[in-house]
């Protein structure tokens, strides 16, 4: 079934919110490490390791959003952001995916 323009727009907004949430979670962790480094509590070499780890995690996030089945990504976003509607839960594939 083809989605309406409004449904596609709503799905894109949800996916963008999910992308923002995942990215900001990683950046927030890194931000704490920068503060520790500025306060002299974290050596520079350890900070660079945290930067590298954050970069790797963001690559994974990028890959998830660019190489994945769109409908499954929308499902994951709705699940993570607690945005399921009753109509969503009637979808057979959502029922199957929700068992993971």
Protein backbone atom coordinates (compact mmCIF):
# COMPACT_ATOMS: atom_id res chain seq x y z
CA UNK A 1 0.00 0.00 0.00
CA UNK A 2 1.38 3.37 -1.02
CA UNK A 3 1.62 6.01 1.70
CA UNK A 4 0.13 9.45 1.35
CA UNK A 5 2.32 12.53 1.19
CA UNK A 6 1.29 13.40 4.77
CA UNK A 7 2.24 9.91 5.99
CA UNK A 8 5.63 10.08 4.26
CA UNK A 9 6.25 13.52 5.77
CA UNK A 10 5.30 12.27 9.24
CA UNK A 11 7.55 9.21 8.84
CA UNK A 12 10.47 11.40 7.79
CA UNK A 13 9.95 13.63 10.83
CA UNK A 14 9.93 10.58 13.12
CA UNK A 15 13.08 9.15 11.56
CA UNK A 16 14.81 12.53 11.85
CA UNK A 17 13.88 12.73 15.54
CA UNK A 18 15.25 9.25 16.08
CA UNK A 19 18.49 10.08 14.26
CA UNK A 20 18.85 13.24 16.37
CA UNK A 21 18.23 11.29 19.59
CA UNK A 22 20.83 8.62 18.80
CA UNK A 23 23.43 11.14 17.66
CA UNK A 24 22.89 13.48 20.61
CA UNK A 25 23.22 10.60 23.08
CA UNK A 26 26.69 9.85 21.70
CA UNK A 27 27.69 13.51 21.53
CA UNK A 28 26.55 14.06 25.12
CA UNK A 29 28.84 11.26 26.30
CA UNK A 30 31.71 12.82 24.37
CA UNK A 31 30.89 16.26 25.77
CA UNK A 32 31.39 14.92 29.30
CA UNK A 33 34.83 13.63 28.28
CA UNK A 34 35.79 17.06 26.93
CA UNK A 35 34.81 18.63 30.25
CA UNK A 36 36.90 16.05 32.13
CA UNK A 37 39.84 16.81 29.83
CA UNK A 38 39.44 20.59 30.32
CA UNK A 39 39.42 20.06 34.10
CA UNK A 40 42.61 18.00 33.89
CA UNK A 41 40.85 14.79 34.95
CA UNK A 42 41.32 13.02 31.61
CA UNK A 43 44.60 12.78 29.69
CA UNK A 44 44.65 14.02 26.12
CA UNK A 45 45.45 10.56 24.72
CA UNK A 46 42.34 9.13 26.39
CA UNK A 47 40.24 12.00 25.04
CA UNK A 48 41.35 11.18 21.51
CA UNK A 49 40.29 7.57 22.07
CA UNK A 50 36.83 8.75 23.15
CA UNK A 51 36.64 10.96 20.06
CA UNK A 52 37.53 7.98 17.90
CA UNK A 53 34.92 5.77 19.60
CA UNK A 54 32.26 8.45 19.16
CA UNK A 55 33.16 8.72 15.49
CA UNK A 56 32.85 4.94 15.04
CA UNK A 57 29.46 4.91 16.76
CA UNK A 58 28.26 7.76 14.57
CA UNK A 59 29.37 5.84 11.49
CA UNK A 60 27.19 2.95 12.66
CA UNK A 61 24.28 5.35 13.16
CA UNK A 62 24.83 6.82 9.70
CA UNK A 63 24.90 3.33 8.18
CA UNK A 64 21.70 2.38 9.99
CA UNK A 65 19.91 5.37 8.50
CA UNK A 66 21.23 4.98 4.98
CA UNK A 67 21.34 1.23 4.37
CA UNK A 68 18.25 -0.05 6.10
CA UNK A 69 14.74 -0.96 5.11
CA UNK A 70 12.81 2.28 5.50
CA UNK A 71 9.75 0.70 7.07
CA UNK A 72 11.83 -1.17 9.65
CA UNK A 73 13.68 2.04 10.51
CA UNK A 74 10.35 3.81 10.99
CA UNK A 75 9.25 0.93 13.23
CA UNK A 76 12.45 1.21 15.32
CA UNK A 77 12.09 4.98 15.59
CA UNK A 78 8.47 4.75 16.72
CA UNK A 79 9.36 2.04 19.23
CA UNK A 80 12.34 3.94 20.67
CA UNK A 81 10.44 7.25 20.80
CA UNK A 82 7.27 5.59 22.14
CA UNK A 83 5.19 6.84 19.20
CA UNK A 84 3.20 3.72 18.31
CA UNK A 85 -0.45 4.29 17.55
CA UNK A 86 -3.20 1.68 17.71
CA UNK A 87 -3.19 1.69 13.91
CA UNK A 88 0.54 0.93 13.88
CA UNK A 89 0.07 -2.07 16.13
CA UNK A 90 -2.52 -3.47 13.72
CA UNK A 91 0.13 -3.76 11.00
CA UNK A 92 1.15 -7.38 10.61
CA UNK A 93 4.84 -6.62 10.07
CA UNK A 94 4.94 -4.40 13.19
CA UNK A 95 3.48 -7.30 15.17
CA UNK A 96 6.25 -9.57 13.87
CA UNK A 97 9.03 -7.02 14.45
CA UNK A 98 7.78 -6.18 17.94
CA UNK A 99 8.63 -9.71 19.09
CA UNK A 100 12.39 -9.02 18.82
